[in-house]
Amino acid sequence: MAWWYYSAYLLAVLLSSIFIARVASVKIDARRFFLSLLPVFAVFVLWDVAAVELGHWRFGLEHMAGAVIYNQPLEELAFFVVIPLFYVVVWETAKKVVACNTR
């Protein structure tokens, strides 16, 4: 597996989120999104840091771009933002579709 596959996957998910939000005219309040994301992000990053430090798992850095913050690959940190954003966009889009179909 090439090092850029996971980065490409995250980029595809991010671009899909933007595309769906624009097509469905879904507005996400960035401030509320990041305020709700922050505690979850902190818990999971601390969990990952501890697990790597304790040797419970490791990241296959040969499959990643190589940028690391502490012991966390940049892709792992991006995952904790991009994937929740995708789900929020899909959720808000689904709510909008259901609301339109129940009128």
N, C-alpha and C. Protein backbone atom coordinates (compact mmCIF):
# COMPACT_ATOMS: atom_id res chain seq x y z
N MET A 1 0.85 -1.18 0.00
CA MET A 1 0.00 0.00 0.00
C MET A 1 0.89 1.24 0.00
N ALA A 2 0.62 2.16 -0.88
CA ALA A 2 1.40 3.39 -0.98
C ALA A 2 1.13 4.30 0.21
N TRP A 3 2.09 5.13 0.55
CA TRP A 3 1.98 6.00 1.72
C TRP A 3 0.84 6.99 1.60
N TRP A 4 0.44 7.34 0.40
CA TRP A 4 -0.54 8.39 0.22
C TRP A 4 -1.99 7.89 0.17
N TYR A 5 -2.23 6.58 0.22
CA TYR A 5 -3.59 6.04 0.13
C TYR A 5 -4.50 6.57 1.25
N TYR A 6 -4.02 6.54 2.46
CA TYR A 6 -4.85 6.97 3.59
C TYR A 6 -5.13 8.47 3.52
N SER A 7 -4.13 9.25 3.12
CA SER A 7 -4.33 10.69 2.94
C SER A 7 -5.34 10.95 1.83
N ALA A 8 -5.26 10.17 0.76
CA ALA A 8 -6.22 10.32 -0.34
C ALA A 8 -7.63 9.96 0.12
N TYR A 9 -7.74 8.92 0.94
CA TYR A 9 -9.04 8.53 1.49
C TYR A 9 -9.62 9.67 2.32
N LEU A 10 -8.83 10.26 3.20
CA LEU A 10 -9.32 11.36 4.04
C LEU A 10 -9.70 12.57 3.18
N LEU A 11 -8.91 12.85 2.17
CA LEU A 11 -9.23 13.96 1.27
C LEU A 11 -10.53 13.69 0.53
N ALA A 12 -10.74 12.46 0.08
CA ALA A 12 -11.99 12.10 -0.61
C ALA A 12 -13.19 12.26 0.31
N VAL A 13 -13.05 11.87 1.56
CA VAL A 13 -14.15 12.02 2.52
C VAL A 13 -14.42 13.50 2.78
N LEU A 14 -13.37 14.30 2.92
CA LEU A 14 -13.54 15.73 3.15
C LEU A 14 -14.21 16.39 1.95
N LEU A 15 -13.75 16.08 0.76
CA LEU A 15 -14.36 16.67 -0.45
C LEU A 15 -15.80 16.20 -0.62
N SER A 16 -16.09 14.95 -0.27
CA SER A 16 -17.47 14.45 -0.31
C SER A 16 -18.35 15.22 0.67
N SER A 17 -17.82 15.52 1.84
CA SER A 17 -18.57 16.28 2.84
C SER A 17 -18.92 17.67 2.30
N ILE A 18 -17.94 18.31 1.71
CA ILE A 18 -18.16 19.64 1.15
C ILE A 18 -19.17 19.58 0.01
N PHE A 19 -19.04 18.60 -0.87
CA PHE A 19 -19.95 18.44 -2.00
C PHE A 19 -21.39 18.21 -1.52
N ILE A 20 -21.57 17.27 -0.59
CA ILE A 20 -22.92 16.97 -0.08
C ILE A 20 -23.51 18.20 0.60
N ALA A 21 -22.73 18.89 1.40
CA ALA A 21 -23.23 20.08 2.10
C ALA A 21 -23.66 21.15 1.10
N ARG A 22 -22.92 21.33 0.03
CA ARG A 22 -23.29 22.35 -0.96
C ARG A 22 -24.52 21.94 -1.77
N VAL A 23 -24.55 20.70 -2.21
CA VAL A 23 -25.69 20.23 -3.01
C VAL A 23 -26.98 20.27 -2.20
N ALA A 24 -26.89 19.87 -0.93
CA ALA A 24 -28.08 19.82 -0.08
C ALA A 24 -28.33 21.14 0.64
N SER A 25 -27.48 22.13 0.40
CA SER A 25 -27.58 23.44 1.07
C SER A 25 -27.62 23.30 2.58
N VAL A 26 -26.77 22.43 3.09
CA VAL A 26 -26.68 22.20 4.54
C VAL A 26 -25.63 23.15 5.10
N LYS A 27 -26.01 23.85 6.14
CA LYS A 27 -25.09 24.77 6.81
C LYS A 27 -24.68 24.16 8.15
N ILE A 28 -23.39 24.06 8.37
CA ILE A 28 -22.86 23.55 9.64
C ILE A 28 -22.25 24.75 10.37
N ASP A 29 -22.67 24.95 11.60
CA ASP A 29 -22.12 26.02 12.42
C ASP A 29 -20.72 25.58 12.87
N ALA A 30 -19.69 26.17 12.27
CA ALA A 30 -18.31 25.75 12.52
C ALA A 30 -17.95 25.88 14.00
N ARG A 31 -18.38 26.94 14.64
CA ARG A 31 -18.06 27.14 16.05
C ARG A 31 -18.64 26.02 16.91
N ARG A 32 -19.91 25.71 16.70
CA ARG A 32 -20.55 24.64 17.47
C ARG A 32 -19.94 23.29 17.14
N PHE A 33 -19.62 23.07 15.88
CA PHE A 33 -19.00 21.80 15.48
C PHE A 33 -17.68 21.60 16.22
N PHE A 34 -16.81 22.62 16.16
CA PHE A 34 -15.50 22.46 16.78
C PHE A 34 -15.58 22.43 18.31
N LEU A 35 -16.52 23.16 18.89
CA LEU A 35 -16.69 23.09 20.35
C LEU A 35 -17.16 21.70 20.79
N SER A 36 -18.01 21.09 20.00
CA SER A 36 -18.46 19.74 20.35
C SER A 36 -17.40 18.69 20.01
N LEU A 37 -16.59 18.96 19.03
CA LEU A 37 -15.54 18.03 18.63
C LEU A 37 -14.36 18.03 19.60
N LEU A 38 -14.07 19.18 20.18
CA LEU A 38 -12.87 19.33 21.00
C LEU A 38 -12.74 18.31 22.13
N PRO A 39 -13.76 18.09 22.98
CA PRO A 39 -13.56 17.09 24.04
C PRO A 39 -13.37 15.67 23.51
N VAL A 40 -14.09 15.32 22.46
CA VAL A 40 -13.95 13.99 21.86
C VAL A 40 -12.56 13.83 21.25
N PHE A 41 -12.12 14.84 20.53
CA PHE A 41 -10.79 14.84 19.93
C PHE A 41 -9.73 14.65 21.01
N ALA A 42 -9.85 15.42 22.09
CA ALA A 42 -8.87 15.34 23.18
C ALA A 42 -8.82 13.94 23.80
N VAL A 43 -9.97 13.37 24.08
CA VAL A 43 -10.02 12.04 24.69
C VAL A 43 -9.38 10.99 23.78
N PHE A 44 -9.75 10.99 22.50
CA PHE A 44 -9.22 9.97 21.61
C PHE A 44 -7.74 10.16 21.28
N VAL A 45 -7.29 11.40 21.21
CA VAL A 45 -5.86 11.62 20.97
C VAL A 45 -5.07 11.17 22.19
N LEU A 46 -5.54 11.51 23.38
CA LEU A 46 -4.86 11.06 24.60
C LEU A 46 -4.85 9.54 24.68
N TRP A 47 -5.96 8.93 24.31
CA TRP A 47 -6.06 7.46 24.29
C TRP A 47 -5.01 6.88 23.33
N ASP A 48 -4.94 7.43 22.13
CA ASP A 48 -3.97 6.96 21.14
C ASP A 48 -2.53 7.15 21.62
N VAL A 49 -2.24 8.31 22.18
CA VAL A 49 -0.90 8.60 22.68
C VAL A 49 -0.52 7.56 23.74
N ALA A 50 -1.42 7.33 24.69
CA ALA A 50 -1.15 6.38 25.76
C ALA A 50 -0.97 4.96 25.21
N ALA A 51 -1.83 4.56 24.29
CA ALA A 51 -1.76 3.21 23.73
C ALA A 51 -0.45 2.97 22.99
N VAL A 52 0.00 3.98 22.25
CA VAL A 52 1.27 3.85 21.53
C VAL A 52 2.43 3.82 22.53
N GLU A 53 2.38 4.72 23.51
CA GLU A 53 3.45 4.75 24.53
C GLU A 53 3.56 3.43 25.29
N LEU A 54 2.41 2.82 25.59
CA LEU A 54 2.40 1.56 26.34
C LEU A 54 2.66 0.34 25.46
N GLY A 55 2.76 0.56 24.16
CA GLY A 55 3.05 -0.53 23.25
C GLY A 55 1.85 -1.40 22.89
N HIS A 56 0.63 -0.90 23.16
CA HIS A 56 -0.57 -1.67 22.81
C HIS A 56 -0.77 -1.72 21.30
N TRP A 57 -0.38 -0.66 20.61
CA TRP A 57 -0.40 -0.67 19.15
C TRP A 57 0.58 0.35 18.63
N ARG A 58 0.75 0.30 17.33
CA ARG A 58 1.63 1.25 16.66
C ARG A 58 0.99 1.64 15.35
N PHE A 59 1.48 2.70 14.77
CA PHE A 59 1.01 3.13 13.47
C PHE A 59 2.01 2.66 12.43
N GLY A 60 1.50 2.15 11.32
CA GLY A 60 2.37 1.73 10.23
C GLY A 60 2.83 2.96 9.47
N LEU A 61 3.85 3.61 9.98
CA LEU A 61 4.31 4.87 9.39
C LEU A 61 4.77 4.72 7.95
N GLU A 62 5.08 3.48 7.55
CA GLU A 62 5.46 3.27 6.15
C GLU A 62 4.26 3.48 5.22
N HIS A 63 3.07 3.49 5.78
CA HIS A 63 1.85 3.71 5.00
C HIS A 63 1.29 5.12 5.17
N MET A 64 2.07 5.99 5.77
CA MET A 64 1.61 7.35 6.03
C MET A 64 2.63 8.35 5.51
N ALA A 65 2.22 9.61 5.44
CA ALA A 65 3.07 10.64 4.84
C ALA A 65 4.35 10.89 5.63
N GLY A 66 4.35 10.60 6.92
CA GLY A 66 5.56 10.76 7.71
C GLY A 66 5.53 11.93 8.68
N ALA A 67 4.56 12.83 8.54
CA ALA A 67 4.44 13.94 9.49
C ALA A 67 3.84 13.40 10.79
N VAL A 68 4.55 13.61 11.89
CA VAL A 68 4.12 13.08 13.18
C VAL A 68 4.15 14.20 14.21
N ILE A 69 3.09 14.28 15.00
CA ILE A 69 3.05 15.21 16.13
C ILE A 69 3.02 14.34 17.38
N TYR A 70 4.06 14.47 18.18
CA TYR A 70 4.34 13.59 19.31
C TYR A 70 4.47 12.18 18.75
N ASN A 71 3.53 11.27 19.04
CA ASN A 71 3.62 9.95 18.42
C ASN A 71 2.40 9.68 17.53
N GLN A 72 1.75 10.76 17.11
CA GLN A 72 0.53 10.65 16.30
C GLN A 72 0.78 11.11 14.87
N PRO A 73 0.54 10.24 13.90
CA PRO A 73 0.66 10.67 12.50
C PRO A 73 -0.39 11.75 12.20
N LEU A 74 -0.04 12.64 11.33
CA LEU A 74 -0.96 13.72 10.95
C LEU A 74 -2.28 13.17 10.44
N GLU A 75 -2.22 12.06 9.72
CA GLU A 75 -3.45 11.45 9.19
C GLU A 75 -4.39 11.00 10.31
N GLU A 76 -3.83 10.52 11.41
CA GLU A 76 -4.67 10.08 12.53
C GLU A 76 -5.38 11.28 13.15
N LEU A 77 -4.69 12.39 13.29
CA LEU A 77 -5.30 13.60 13.84
C LEU A 77 -6.37 14.13 12.89
N ALA A 78 -6.09 14.09 11.59
CA ALA A 78 -7.07 14.54 10.60
C ALA A 78 -8.30 13.65 10.62
N PHE A 79 -8.11 12.35 10.84
CA PHE A 79 -9.23 11.41 10.90
C PHE A 79 -10.24 11.83 11.95
N PHE A 80 -9.76 12.30 13.10
CA PHE A 80 -10.65 12.68 14.21
C PHE A 80 -11.44 13.95 13.92
N VAL A 81 -11.12 14.65 12.85
CA VAL A 81 -11.88 15.83 12.44
C VAL A 81 -12.72 15.53 11.20
N VAL A 82 -12.10 14.90 10.20
CA VAL A 82 -12.76 14.68 8.91
C VAL A 82 -13.95 13.72 9.02
N ILE A 83 -13.79 12.62 9.72
CA ILE A 83 -14.87 11.63 9.81
C ILE A 83 -16.07 12.17 10.58
N PRO A 84 -15.89 12.81 11.74
CA PRO A 84 -17.06 13.40 12.40
C PRO A 84 -17.74 14.47 11.54
N LEU A 85 -16.97 15.26 10.80
CA LEU A 85 -17.57 16.26 9.91
C LEU A 85 -18.45 15.57 8.87
N PHE A 86 -17.95 14.50 8.28
CA PHE A 86 -18.74 13.77 7.29
C PHE A 86 -20.06 13.30 7.88
N TYR A 87 -20.01 12.72 9.07
CA TYR A 87 -21.24 12.22 9.69
C TYR A 87 -22.21 13.33 10.06
N VAL A 88 -21.70 14.47 10.49
CA VAL A 88 -22.58 15.60 10.80
C VAL A 88 -23.25 16.09 9.52
N VAL A 89 -22.50 16.18 8.44
CA VAL A 89 -23.08 16.62 7.16
C VAL A 89 -24.15 15.63 6.69
N VAL A 90 -23.84 14.34 6.76
CA VAL A 90 -24.82 13.33 6.34
C VAL A 90 -26.06 13.39 7.23
N TRP A 91 -25.87 13.53 8.53
CA TRP A 91 -27.00 13.62 9.48
C TRP A 91 -27.88 14.83 9.16
N GLU A 92 -27.27 15.99 8.99
CA GLU A 92 -28.03 17.21 8.70
C GLU A 92 -28.74 17.11 7.35
N THR A 93 -28.10 16.47 6.38
CA THR A 93 -28.72 16.27 5.07
C THR A 93 -29.92 15.34 5.19
N ALA A 94 -29.76 14.26 5.93
CA ALA A 94 -30.87 13.32 6.13
C ALA A 94 -32.05 13.99 6.84
N LYS A 95 -31.77 14.80 7.84
CA LYS A 95 -32.84 15.52 8.53
C LYS A 95 -33.59 16.44 7.57
N LYS A 96 -32.84 17.08 6.70
CA LYS A 96 -33.45 17.99 5.73
C LYS A 96 -34.31 17.23 4.73
N VAL A 97 -33.83 16.11 4.25
CA VAL A 97 -34.59 15.27 3.29
C VAL A 97 -35.86 14.76 3.93
N VAL A 98 -35.75 14.25 5.14
CA VAL A 98 -36.93 13.72 5.85
C VAL A 98 -37.95 14.83 6.09
N ALA A 99 -37.48 16.00 6.48
CA ALA A 99 -38.38 17.13 6.71
C ALA A 99 -39.12 17.52 5.43
N CYS A 100 -38.43 17.48 4.29
CA CYS A 100 -39.06 17.80 3.01
C CYS A 100 -40.09 16.75 2.60
N ASN A 101 -39.82 15.50 2.92
CA ASN A 101 -40.72 14.42 2.52
C ASN A 101 -41.93 14.23 3.44
N THR A 102 -41.91 14.88 4.59
CA THR A 102 -43.04 14.72 5.52
C THR A 102 -44.03 15.87 5.41
N ARG A 103 -43.79 16.79 4.52
CA ARG A 103 -44.72 17.94 4.35
C ARG A 103 -45.83 17.60 3.41
